[in-house]
Amino acid sequence: MSSCPPFPMTTTASAIVFTDLDGTLLNAHDYRYDAAIPVLERLKSLGVPVIPVTSKTRAEVEVLRSAIGLSDPFVVENGSGIFIEAADDRFPLDTDLQMEGYRVVQLGSSYRDARDRVAQLGKELGVKLCGFGDLKPEDLYGITGLAIEDAKRAQTRDFTEPFMVPSSVSSNAITAAATALGFRVVVGDRFAHAIDPRSGKGIAVKTLIDLYRSPTENLTIIGLGNSPNDLEMLDVVAHPIIIPTKTGLPHPDLTDRGWPIAKQHGSAGWATAIETILNDLGLAA
């Protein structure tokens, strides 16, 4: 685990930023975040936590946190687990679960259970579903363009199993079959994710808000996302912000929410939106 800045002495913060990664803090086309660096530095100087809430794995998020210098908790695999560095003793937890140098709030099932669910779903649908666990890193590179090391990190999973969406089966059929089997599926363009119904981005964010908030604290909760997968998170924050696509338009499933839409896509839109809120709140570095 990479070294990070020292932890604050208390959980007190004027605001918290919960953020999706791909297409939000990270550009969709090149996964860079250069435009957000000055604002990330400003947030750090203000003591405002920046908490990734993502479908990515712990191994993937660790690389980004190390590069940016983040030290606060993070949420992985679509809200299936919250990871808090073991040295960070600010938060009382009702769990003794530890994993690779972290205290873990496990909201979802184990990866083995997720794999079993995908197999059950395939039988229910009458098709063979190909999950990440069935692929070699080279296969994933061919499908996604991820570098081999990045593909390996994407396959280092703790809770959920992404699987390829068959062209012969509709999204509605997949979600209906999963519901009948007692779990949820988040369907994307190329991959769907089998998720424990007890977990989710919204549940994870609510859990962290409760850990950060004190009885006397006026805490500003900000959330940024770009896709329907972020709806649960955006629904539970006070200041939801939609990051648009490269066309400048939001995802079609996010257009009727009445939420503010950033003026640019990717990290530039993320940075401008955060700066606007900070200035409105009168928070100066």
C-alpha atoms as a PDB file:
ATOM      1  CA  MET A   1       0.000   0.000   0.000  1.00  0.00           C
ATOM      2  CA  SER A   2       1.387   3.397  -0.961  1.00  0.00           C
ATOM      3  CA  SER A   3       2.213   6.078   1.567  1.00  0.00           C
ATOM      4  CA  CYS A   4      -0.229   8.975   1.781  1.00  0.00           C
ATOM      5  CA  PRO A   5      -0.341  12.329   3.590  1.00  0.00           C
ATOM      6  CA  PRO A   6      -0.894  12.267   7.373  1.00  0.00           C
ATOM      7  CA  PHE A   7      -4.475  11.776   8.479  1.00  0.00           C
ATOM      8  CA  PRO A   8      -6.338  14.723  10.025  1.00  0.00           C
ATOM      9  CA  MET A   9      -6.589  14.558  13.809  1.00  0.00           C
ATOM     10  CA  THR A  10     -10.410  14.512  13.692  1.00  0.00           C
ATOM     11  CA  THR A  11     -13.160  13.761  11.195  1.00  0.00           C
ATOM     12  CA  THR A  12     -14.226  17.427  11.187  1.00  0.00           C
ATOM     13  CA  ALA A  13     -14.558  18.887   7.693  1.00  0.00           C
ATOM     14  CA  SER A  14     -16.565  21.721   6.201  1.00  0.00           C
ATOM     15  CA  ALA A  15     -17.460  19.591   3.180  1.00  0.00           C
ATOM     16  CA  ILE A  16     -17.002  16.163   1.661  1.00  0.00           C
ATOM     17  CA  VAL A  17     -16.637  15.402  -2.035  1.00  0.00           C
ATOM     18  CA  PHE A  18     -17.869  12.005  -3.217  1.00  0.00           C
ATOM     19  CA  THR A  19     -16.850  11.376  -6.799  1.00  0.00           C
ATOM     20  CA  ASP A  20     -17.158   8.808  -9.522  1.00  0.00           C
ATOM     21  CA  LEU A  21     -13.931   8.278 -11.469  1.00  0.00           C
ATOM     22  CA  ASP A  22     -14.222   7.253 -15.150  1.00  0.00           C
ATOM     23  CA  GLY A  23     -15.811  10.077 -17.126  1.00  0.00           C
ATOM     24  CA  THR A  24     -16.035  12.253 -14.011  1.00  0.00           C
ATOM     25  CA  LEU A  25     -12.788  13.020 -12.168  1.00  0.00           C
ATOM     26  CA  LEU A  26     -10.971  11.083 -14.902  1.00  0.00           C
ATOM     27  CA  ASN A  27     -11.469  12.003 -18.559  1.00  0.00           C
ATOM     28  CA  ALA A  28     -13.427   9.343 -20.425  1.00  0.00           C
ATOM     29  CA  HIS A  29     -11.066   9.346 -23.411  1.00  0.00           C
ATOM     30  CA  ASP A  30      -7.630   9.265 -21.748  1.00  0.00           C
ATOM     31  CA  TYR A  31      -8.285   8.706 -17.995  1.00  0.00           C
ATOM     32  CA  ARG A  32      -6.227  11.818 -17.122  1.00  0.00           C
ATOM     33  CA  TYR A  33      -7.138  14.311 -14.410  1.00  0.00           C
ATOM     34  CA  ASP A  34      -4.630  17.134 -15.040  1.00  0.00           C
ATOM     35  CA  ALA A  35      -7.299  19.856 -15.171  1.00  0.00           C
ATOM     36  CA  ALA A  36      -8.463  18.904 -11.667  1.00  0.00           C
ATOM     37  CA  ILE A  37      -5.048  19.040  -9.956  1.00  0.00           C
ATOM     38  CA  PRO A  38      -5.235  22.699  -8.770  1.00  0.00           C
ATOM     39  CA  VAL A  39      -8.693  22.104  -7.282  1.00  0.00           C
ATOM     40  CA  LEU A  40      -7.588  18.850  -5.675  1.00  0.00           C
ATOM     41  CA  GLU A  41      -4.737  20.791  -4.051  1.00  0.00           C
ATOM     42  CA  ARG A  42      -7.193  23.438  -2.866  1.00  0.00           C
ATOM     43  CA  LEU A  43      -9.446  20.781  -1.344  1.00  0.00           C
ATOM     44  CA  LYS A  44      -6.458  19.228   0.399  1.00  0.00           C
ATOM     45  CA  SER A  45      -5.453  22.593   1.895  1.00  0.00           C
ATOM     46  CA  LEU A  46      -9.020  23.069   3.145  1.00  0.00           C
ATOM     47  CA  GLY A  47      -9.118  19.613   4.704  1.00  0.00           C
ATOM     48  CA  VAL A  48     -11.990  18.558   2.460  1.00  0.00           C
ATOM     49  CA  PRO A  49     -11.983  14.777   1.873  1.00  0.00           C
ATOM     50  CA  VAL A  50     -12.179  13.567  -1.734  1.00  0.00           C
ATOM     51  CA  ILE A  51     -13.704  10.085  -1.671  1.00  0.00           C
ATOM     52  CA  PRO A  52     -13.774   7.947  -4.826  1.00  0.00           C
ATOM     53  CA  VAL A  53     -17.035   6.037  -5.252  1.00  0.00           C
ATOM     54  CA  THR A  54     -16.487   3.772  -8.202  1.00  0.00           C
ATOM     55  CA  SER A  55     -17.014   0.461  -9.940  1.00  0.00           C
ATOM     56  CA  LYS A  56     -13.226   0.060  -9.969  1.00  0.00           C
ATOM     57  CA  THR A  57     -11.415  -2.368  -7.685  1.00  0.00           C
ATOM     58  CA  ARG A  58      -9.306  -1.632  -4.637  1.00  0.00           C
ATOM     59  CA  ALA A  59      -6.155  -2.364  -6.643  1.00  0.00           C
ATOM     60  CA  GLU A  60      -7.160   0.155  -9.312  1.00  0.00           C
ATOM     61  CA  VAL A  61      -8.091   2.898  -6.848  1.00  0.00           C
ATOM     62  CA  GLU A  62      -4.863   2.460  -4.883  1.00  0.00           C
ATOM     63  CA  VAL A  63      -2.840   3.566  -7.910  1.00  0.00           C
ATOM     64  CA  LEU A  64      -4.911   6.731  -8.344  1.00  0.00           C
ATOM     65  CA  ARG A  65      -4.906   7.584  -4.622  1.00  0.00           C
ATOM     66  CA  SER A  66      -1.139   7.280  -4.541  1.00  0.00           C
ATOM     67  CA  ALA A  67      -0.746   9.538  -7.586  1.00  0.00           C
ATOM     68  CA  ILE A  68      -3.120  12.214  -6.249  1.00  0.00           C
ATOM     69  CA  GLY A  69      -2.124  11.909  -2.607  1.00  0.00           C
ATOM     70  CA  LEU A  70      -5.507  10.970  -1.164  1.00  0.00           C
ATOM     71  CA  SER A  71      -5.692   9.461   2.307  1.00  0.00           C
ATOM     72  CA  ASP A  72      -9.393   9.332   3.137  1.00  0.00           C
ATOM     73  CA  PRO A  73     -11.672   6.284   2.734  1.00  0.00           C
ATOM     74  CA  PHE A  74     -12.801   5.067  -0.669  1.00  0.00           C
ATOM     75  CA  VAL A  75     -15.669   2.994  -2.058  1.00  0.00           C
ATOM     76  CA  VAL A  76     -15.137   0.249  -4.621  1.00  0.00           C
ATOM     77  CA  GLU A  77     -17.023  -2.167  -6.849  1.00  0.00           C
ATOM     78  CA  ASN A  78     -20.263  -0.181  -7.039  1.00  0.00           C
ATOM     79  CA  GLY A  79     -20.633   0.341  -3.314  1.00  0.00           C
ATOM     80  CA  SER A  80     -19.779  -3.201  -2.239  1.00  0.00           C
ATOM     81  CA  GLY A  81     -16.974  -2.220   0.107  1.00  0.00           C
ATOM     82  CA  ILE A  82     -15.582   0.781   1.989  1.00  0.00           C
ATOM     83  CA  PHE A  83     -11.822   0.769   2.583  1.00  0.00           C
ATOM     84  CA  ILE A  84     -10.235   2.797   5.385  1.00  0.00           C
ATOM     85  CA  GLU A  85      -6.479   2.701   5.924  1.00  0.00           C
ATOM     86  CA  ALA A  86      -5.672   0.688   9.048  1.00  0.00           C
ATOM     87  CA  ALA A  87      -3.626   3.572  10.488  1.00  0.00           C
ATOM     88  CA  ASP A  88      -6.646   5.877  10.215  1.00  0.00           C
ATOM     89  CA  ASP A  89      -8.372   5.507  13.586  1.00  0.00           C
ATOM     90  CA  ARG A  90     -10.817   8.412  13.249  1.00  0.00           C
ATOM     91  CA  PHE A  91     -13.813   6.202  12.575  1.00  0.00           C
ATOM     92  CA  PRO A  92     -15.416   3.763  15.038  1.00  0.00           C
ATOM     93  CA  LEU A  93     -16.491   0.711  13.065  1.00  0.00           C
ATOM     94  CA  ASP A  94     -18.704  -2.234  13.952  1.00  0.00           C
ATOM     95  CA  THR A  95     -16.371  -4.596  12.145  1.00  0.00           C
ATOM     96  CA  ASP A  96     -12.973  -6.163  12.683  1.00  0.00           C
ATOM     97  CA  LEU A  97     -12.554  -7.107   9.018  1.00  0.00           C
ATOM     98  CA  GLN A  98      -9.146  -6.174   7.648  1.00  0.00           C
ATOM     99  CA  MET A  99      -7.707  -6.622   4.193  1.00  0.00           C
ATOM    100  CA  GLU A 100      -4.311  -5.679   2.763  1.00  0.00           C
ATOM    101  CA  GLY A 101      -3.658  -2.885   5.273  1.00  0.00           C
ATOM    102  CA  TYR A 102      -7.229  -1.574   5.419  1.00  0.00           C
ATOM    103  CA  ARG A 103     -10.171  -1.783   7.749  1.00  0.00           C
ATOM    104  CA  VAL A 104     -13.112  -2.829   5.598  1.00  0.00           C
ATOM    105  CA  VAL A 105     -16.840  -2.200   5.790  1.00  0.00           C
ATOM    106  CA  GLN A 106     -18.143  -5.012   3.612  1.00  0.00           C
ATOM    107  CA  LEU A 107     -21.590  -4.218   2.245  1.00  0.00           C
ATOM    108  CA  GLY A 108     -21.664  -6.802  -0.520  1.00  0.00           C
ATOM    109  CA  SER A 109     -21.025 -10.504  -0.860  1.00  0.00           C
ATOM    110  CA  SER A 110     -17.731 -12.242  -1.489  1.00  0.00           C
ATOM    111  CA  TYR A 111     -16.265 -12.494  -4.969  1.00  0.00           C
ATOM    112  CA  ARG A 112     -16.894 -16.239  -4.968  1.00  0.00           C
ATOM    113  CA  ASP A 113     -20.596 -15.626  -4.302  1.00  0.00           C
ATOM    114  CA  ALA A 114     -20.685 -13.065  -7.115  1.00  0.00           C
ATOM    115  CA  ARG A 115     -19.168 -15.593  -9.515  1.00  0.00           C
ATOM    116  CA  ASP A 116     -21.760 -18.157  -8.465  1.00  0.00           C
ATOM    117  CA  ARG A 117     -24.544 -15.660  -9.102  1.00  0.00           C
ATOM    118  CA  VAL A 118     -23.316 -14.947 -12.609  1.00  0.00           C
ATOM    119  CA  ALA A 119     -23.275 -18.688 -13.328  1.00  0.00           C
ATOM    120  CA  GLN A 120     -26.844 -18.996 -11.990  1.00  0.00           C
ATOM    121  CA  LEU A 121     -27.929 -16.039 -14.094  1.00  0.00           C
ATOM    122  CA  GLY A 122     -26.480 -17.624 -17.218  1.00  0.00           C
ATOM    123  CA  LYS A 123     -28.461 -20.800 -16.580  1.00  0.00           C
ATOM    124  CA  GLU A 124     -31.629 -18.788 -16.014  1.00  0.00           C
ATOM    125  CA  LEU A 125     -31.114 -16.928 -19.296  1.00  0.00           C
ATOM    126  CA  GLY A 126     -29.977 -20.011 -21.214  1.00  0.00           C
ATOM    127  CA  VAL A 127     -26.651 -18.463 -22.223  1.00  0.00           C
ATOM    128  CA  LYS A 128     -23.018 -18.733 -21.186  1.00  0.00           C
ATOM    129  CA  LEU A 129     -22.022 -15.519 -19.424  1.00  0.00           C
ATOM    130  CA  CYS A 130     -18.350 -14.618 -19.646  1.00  0.00           C
ATOM    131  CA  GLY A 131     -17.119 -12.884 -16.502  1.00  0.00           C
ATOM    132  CA  PHE A 132     -13.838 -11.181 -15.671  1.00  0.00           C
ATOM    133  CA  GLY A 133     -12.785 -14.347 -13.879  1.00  0.00           C
ATOM    134  CA  ASP A 134     -13.064 -16.265 -17.164  1.00  0.00           C
ATOM    135  CA  LEU A 135     -10.702 -13.923 -19.025  1.00  0.00           C
ATOM    136  CA  LYS A 136      -6.945 -13.619 -19.236  1.00  0.00           C
ATOM    137  CA  PRO A 137      -5.470 -10.105 -18.897  1.00  0.00           C
ATOM    138  CA  GLU A 138      -4.661 -10.266 -22.606  1.00  0.00           C
ATOM    139  CA  ASP A 139      -8.336 -10.950 -23.376  1.00  0.00           C
ATOM    140  CA  LEU A 140      -9.400  -7.950 -21.304  1.00  0.00           C
ATOM    141  CA  TYR A 141      -6.839  -5.800 -23.080  1.00  0.00           C
ATOM    142  CA  GLY A 142      -8.347  -6.830 -26.413  1.00  0.00           C
ATOM    143  CA  ILE A 143     -11.859  -5.964 -25.253  1.00  0.00           C
ATOM    144  CA  THR A 144     -11.198  -2.730 -23.349  1.00  0.00           C
ATOM    145  CA  GLY A 145      -7.777  -1.471 -24.443  1.00  0.00           C
ATOM    146  CA  LEU A 146      -6.573  -1.567 -20.831  1.00  0.00           C
ATOM    147  CA  ALA A 147      -2.837  -2.075 -20.481  1.00  0.00           C
ATOM    148  CA  ILE A 148      -1.969  -5.546 -19.179  1.00  0.00           C
ATOM    149  CA  GLU A 149      -1.074  -4.330 -15.666  1.00  0.00           C
ATOM    150  CA  ASP A 150      -4.264  -2.260 -15.537  1.00  0.00           C
ATOM    151  CA  ALA A 151      -6.249  -5.283 -16.696  1.00  0.00           C
ATOM    152  CA  LYS A 152      -4.731  -7.366 -13.901  1.00  0.00           C
ATOM    153  CA  ARG A 153      -5.763  -4.742 -11.347  1.00  0.00           C
ATOM    154  CA  ALA A 154      -9.294  -4.689 -12.791  1.00  0.00           C
ATOM    155  CA  GLN A 155      -9.435  -8.466 -12.305  1.00  0.00           C
ATOM    156  CA  THR A 156      -8.239  -8.278  -8.680  1.00  0.00           C
ATOM    157  CA  ARG A 157     -11.757  -8.305  -7.300  1.00  0.00           C
ATOM    158  CA  ASP A 158     -13.120  -8.620  -3.785  1.00  0.00           C
ATOM    159  CA  PHE A 159     -16.920  -8.443  -4.111  1.00  0.00           C
ATOM    160  CA  THR A 160     -18.453  -8.245  -7.597  1.00  0.00           C
ATOM    161  CA  GLU A 161     -18.149  -9.920 -10.991  1.00  0.00           C
ATOM    162  CA  PRO A 162     -18.499  -7.938 -14.215  1.00  0.00           C
ATOM    163  CA  PHE A 163     -19.608 -10.017 -17.177  1.00  0.00           C
ATOM    164  CA  MET A 164     -20.005  -9.378 -20.876  1.00  0.00           C
ATOM    165  CA  VAL A 165     -23.509  -8.422 -21.973  1.00  0.00           C
ATOM    166  CA  PRO A 166     -24.692 -10.933 -24.624  1.00  0.00           C
ATOM    167  CA  SER A 167     -26.040  -9.271 -27.760  1.00  0.00           C
ATOM    168  CA  SER A 168     -28.852 -11.839 -27.852  1.00  0.00           C
ATOM    169  CA  VAL A 169     -30.265 -10.866 -24.430  1.00  0.00           C
ATOM    170  CA  SER A 170     -31.921  -7.552 -23.559  1.00  0.00           C
ATOM    171  CA  SER A 171     -30.961  -5.479 -20.535  1.00  0.00           C
ATOM    172  CA  ASN A 172     -34.498  -5.864 -19.202  1.00  0.00           C
ATOM    173  CA  ALA A 173     -34.269  -9.649 -19.421  1.00  0.00           C
ATOM    174  CA  ILE A 174     -30.949  -9.632 -17.548  1.00  0.00           C
ATOM    175  CA  THR A 175     -32.195  -7.401 -14.734  1.00  0.00           C
ATOM    176  CA  ALA A 176     -35.482  -9.304 -14.428  1.00  0.00           C
ATOM    177  CA  ALA A 177     -33.709 -12.666 -14.206  1.00  0.00           C
ATOM    178  CA  ALA A 178     -31.260 -11.320 -11.621  1.00  0.00           C
ATOM    179  CA  THR A 179     -34.119  -9.940  -9.520  1.00  0.00           C
ATOM    180  CA  ALA A 180     -35.850 -13.321  -9.631  1.00  0.00           C
ATOM    181  CA  LEU A 181     -32.626 -14.893  -8.334  1.00  0.00           C
ATOM    182  CA  GLY A 182     -32.365 -12.380  -5.485  1.00  0.00           C
ATOM    183  CA  PHE A 183     -29.592 -10.026  -6.582  1.00  0.00           C
ATOM    184  CA  ARG A 184     -29.068  -6.900  -8.657  1.00  0.00           C
ATOM    185  CA  VAL A 185     -27.346  -6.289 -11.967  1.00  0.00           C
ATOM    186  CA  VAL A 186     -26.079  -2.926 -13.187  1.00  0.00           C
ATOM    187  CA  VAL A 187     -25.996  -3.130 -16.982  1.00  0.00           C
ATOM    188  CA  GLY A 188     -23.474  -1.048 -18.917  1.00  0.00           C
ATOM    189  CA  ASP A 189     -22.573  -0.795 -22.588  1.00  0.00           C
ATOM    190  CA  ARG A 190     -20.175  -3.744 -22.674  1.00  0.00           C
ATOM    191  CA  PHE A 191     -20.268  -5.186 -19.172  1.00  0.00           C
ATOM    192  CA  ALA A 192     -22.845  -5.763 -16.483  1.00  0.00           C
ATOM    193  CA  HIS A 193     -22.030  -6.089 -12.785  1.00  0.00           C
ATOM    194  CA  ALA A 194     -23.589  -8.658 -10.477  1.00  0.00           C
ATOM    195  CA  ILE A 195     -24.140  -6.872  -7.149  1.00  0.00           C
ATOM    196  CA  ASP A 196     -25.395  -7.937  -3.739  1.00  0.00           C
ATOM    197  CA  PRO A 197     -28.760  -6.222  -3.044  1.00  0.00           C
ATOM    198  CA  ARG A 198     -27.493  -5.106   0.380  1.00  0.00           C
ATOM    199  CA  SER A 199     -24.844  -2.917  -1.242  1.00  0.00           C
ATOM    200  CA  GLY A 200     -24.756   0.079  -3.556  1.00  0.00           C
ATOM    201  CA  LYS A 201     -23.142   3.470  -4.025  1.00  0.00           C
ATOM    202  CA  GLY A 202     -25.941   5.220  -2.132  1.00  0.00           C
ATOM    203  CA  ILE A 203     -25.706   2.898   0.861  1.00  0.00           C
ATOM    204  CA  ALA A 204     -21.917   3.280   0.986  1.00  0.00           C
ATOM    205  CA  VAL A 205     -22.106   7.079   0.792  1.00  0.00           C
ATOM    206  CA  LYS A 206     -24.746   7.230   3.543  1.00  0.00           C
ATOM    207  CA  THR A 207     -22.509   5.053   5.727  1.00  0.00           C
ATOM    208  CA  LEU A 208     -19.550   7.379   5.252  1.00  0.00           C
ATOM    209  CA  ILE A 209     -21.607  10.523   5.826  1.00  0.00           C
ATOM    210  CA  ASP A 210     -22.676   9.098   9.185  1.00  0.00           C
ATOM    211  CA  LEU A 211     -19.034   8.321  10.044  1.00  0.00           C
ATOM    212  CA  TYR A 212     -17.894  11.848   9.206  1.00  0.00           C
ATOM    213  CA  ARG A 213     -20.781  13.881  10.572  1.00  0.00           C
ATOM    214  CA  SER A 214     -20.769  15.024  14.196  1.00  0.00           C
ATOM    215  CA  PRO A 215     -23.942  16.154  16.033  1.00  0.00           C
ATOM    216  CA  THR A 216     -22.903  19.822  15.873  1.00  0.00           C
ATOM    217  CA  GLU A 217     -21.379  19.873  12.417  1.00  0.00           C
ATOM    218  CA  ASN A 218     -22.826  21.631   9.391  1.00  0.00           C
ATOM    219  CA  LEU A 219     -21.400  19.456   6.653  1.00  0.00           C
ATOM    220  CA  THR A 220     -21.742  20.222   2.936  1.00  0.00           C
ATOM    221  CA  ILE A 221     -22.087  16.958   0.994  1.00  0.00           C
ATOM    222  CA  ILE A 222     -21.111  17.130  -2.689  1.00  0.00           C
ATOM    223  CA  GLY A 223     -21.415  14.318  -5.229  1.00  0.00           C
ATOM    224  CA  LEU A 224     -20.290  14.141  -8.850  1.00  0.00           C
ATOM    225  CA  GLY A 225     -21.112  11.486 -11.436  1.00  0.00           C
ATOM    226  CA  ASN A 226     -21.750  10.984 -15.128  1.00  0.00           C
ATOM    227  CA  SER A 227     -23.879   7.884 -15.591  1.00  0.00           C
ATOM    228  CA  PRO A 228     -27.004   6.060 -14.335  1.00  0.00           C
ATOM    229  CA  ASN A 229     -24.635   3.966 -12.225  1.00  0.00           C
ATOM    230  CA  ASP A 230     -24.115   7.095 -10.102  1.00  0.00           C
ATOM    231  CA  LEU A 231     -27.816   7.806  -9.449  1.00  0.00           C
ATOM    232  CA  GLU A 232     -27.886   6.170  -6.019  1.00  0.00           C
ATOM    233  CA  MET A 233     -24.924   8.268  -4.909  1.00  0.00           C
ATOM    234  CA  LEU A 234     -26.270  11.524  -6.350  1.00  0.00           C
ATOM    235  CA  ASP A 235     -29.666  10.917  -4.756  1.00  0.00           C
ATOM    236  CA  VAL A 236     -28.244  10.992  -1.213  1.00  0.00           C
ATOM    237  CA  VAL A 237     -25.964  14.066  -1.403  1.00  0.00           C
ATOM    238  CA  ALA A 238     -27.039  17.678  -0.874  1.00  0.00           C
ATOM    239  CA  HIS A 239     -25.192  18.989  -3.928  1.00  0.00           C
ATOM    240  CA  PRO A 240     -25.399  16.505  -6.843  1.00  0.00           C
ATOM    241  CA  ILE A 241     -23.528  17.509 -10.001  1.00  0.00           C
ATOM    242  CA  ILE A 242     -23.701  15.787 -13.380  1.00  0.00           C
ATOM    243  CA  ILE A 243     -20.569  15.679 -15.520  1.00  0.00           C
ATOM    244  CA  PRO A 244     -21.620  15.715 -19.195  1.00  0.00           C
ATOM    245  CA  THR A 245     -20.236  13.697 -22.076  1.00  0.00           C
ATOM    246  CA  LYS A 246     -17.776  15.154 -24.561  1.00  0.00           C
ATOM    247  CA  THR A 247     -20.754  16.540 -26.521  1.00  0.00           C
ATOM    248  CA  GLY A 248     -21.602  18.737 -23.534  1.00  0.00           C
ATOM    249  CA  LEU A 249     -24.832  16.852 -22.922  1.00  0.00           C
ATOM    250  CA  PRO A 250     -25.547  14.635 -19.915  1.00  0.00           C
ATOM    251  CA  HIS A 251     -26.305  10.946 -20.190  1.00  0.00           C
ATOM    252  CA  PRO A 252     -29.913  10.616 -21.468  1.00  0.00           C
ATOM    253  CA  ASP A 253     -30.997   8.872 -18.259  1.00  0.00           C
ATOM    254  CA  LEU A 254     -29.847  11.870 -16.178  1.00  0.00           C
ATOM    255  CA  THR A 255     -31.536  14.669 -18.088  1.00  0.00           C
ATOM    256  CA  ASP A 256     -34.775  14.861 -16.077  1.00  0.00           C
ATOM    257  CA  ARG A 257     -33.315  15.186 -12.600  1.00  0.00           C
ATOM    258  CA  GLY A 258     -33.012  18.950 -12.439  1.00  0.00           C
ATOM    259  CA  TRP A 259     -29.473  18.661 -11.113  1.00  0.00           C
ATOM    260  CA  PRO A 260     -26.712  21.108 -12.120  1.00  0.00           C
ATOM    261  CA  ILE A 261     -24.696  20.047 -15.151  1.00  0.00           C
ATOM    262  CA  ALA A 262     -21.020  20.947 -15.349  1.00  0.00           C
ATOM    263  CA  LYS A 263     -20.048  23.191 -18.237  1.00  0.00           C
ATOM    264  CA  GLN A 264     -17.312  20.858 -19.488  1.00  0.00           C
ATOM    265  CA  HIS A 265     -16.726  17.119 -19.621  1.00  0.00           C
ATOM    266  CA  GLY A 266     -14.250  15.119 -17.585  1.00  0.00           C
ATOM    267  CA  SER A 267     -11.726  16.587 -15.163  1.00  0.00           C
ATOM    268  CA  ALA A 268     -12.137  20.156 -16.445  1.00  0.00           C
ATOM    269  CA  GLY A 269     -15.875  20.076 -15.751  1.00  0.00           C
ATOM    270  CA  TRP A 270     -15.233  18.433 -12.382  1.00  0.00           C
ATOM    271  CA  ALA A 271     -12.784  21.166 -11.400  1.00  0.00           C
ATOM    272  CA  THR A 272     -15.009  24.056 -12.470  1.00  0.00           C
ATOM    273  CA  ALA A 273     -18.045  22.620 -10.671  1.00  0.00           C
ATOM    274  CA  ILE A 274     -16.129  22.110  -7.416  1.00  0.00           C
ATOM    275  CA  GLU A 275     -14.591  25.589  -7.596  1.00  0.00           C
ATOM    276  CA  THR A 276     -18.049  27.125  -8.028  1.00  0.00           C
ATOM    277  CA  ILE A 277     -19.385  25.378  -4.925  1.00  0.00           C
ATOM    278  CA  LEU A 278     -16.319  26.251  -2.839  1.00  0.00           C
ATOM    279  CA  ASN A 279     -16.598  29.901  -3.840  1.00  0.00           C
ATOM    280  CA  ASP A 280     -20.337  29.921  -3.115  1.00  0.00           C
ATOM    281  CA  LEU A 281     -19.577  28.522   0.342  1.00  0.00           C
ATOM    282  CA  GLY A 282     -16.900  31.150   0.908  1.00  0.00           C
ATOM    283  CA  LEU A 283     -14.202  28.520   1.387  1.00  0.00           C
ATOM    284  CA  ALA A 284     -10.791  29.942   0.528  1.00  0.00           C
ATOM    285  CA  ALA A 285      -7.572  27.958   0.622  1.00  0.00           C
END
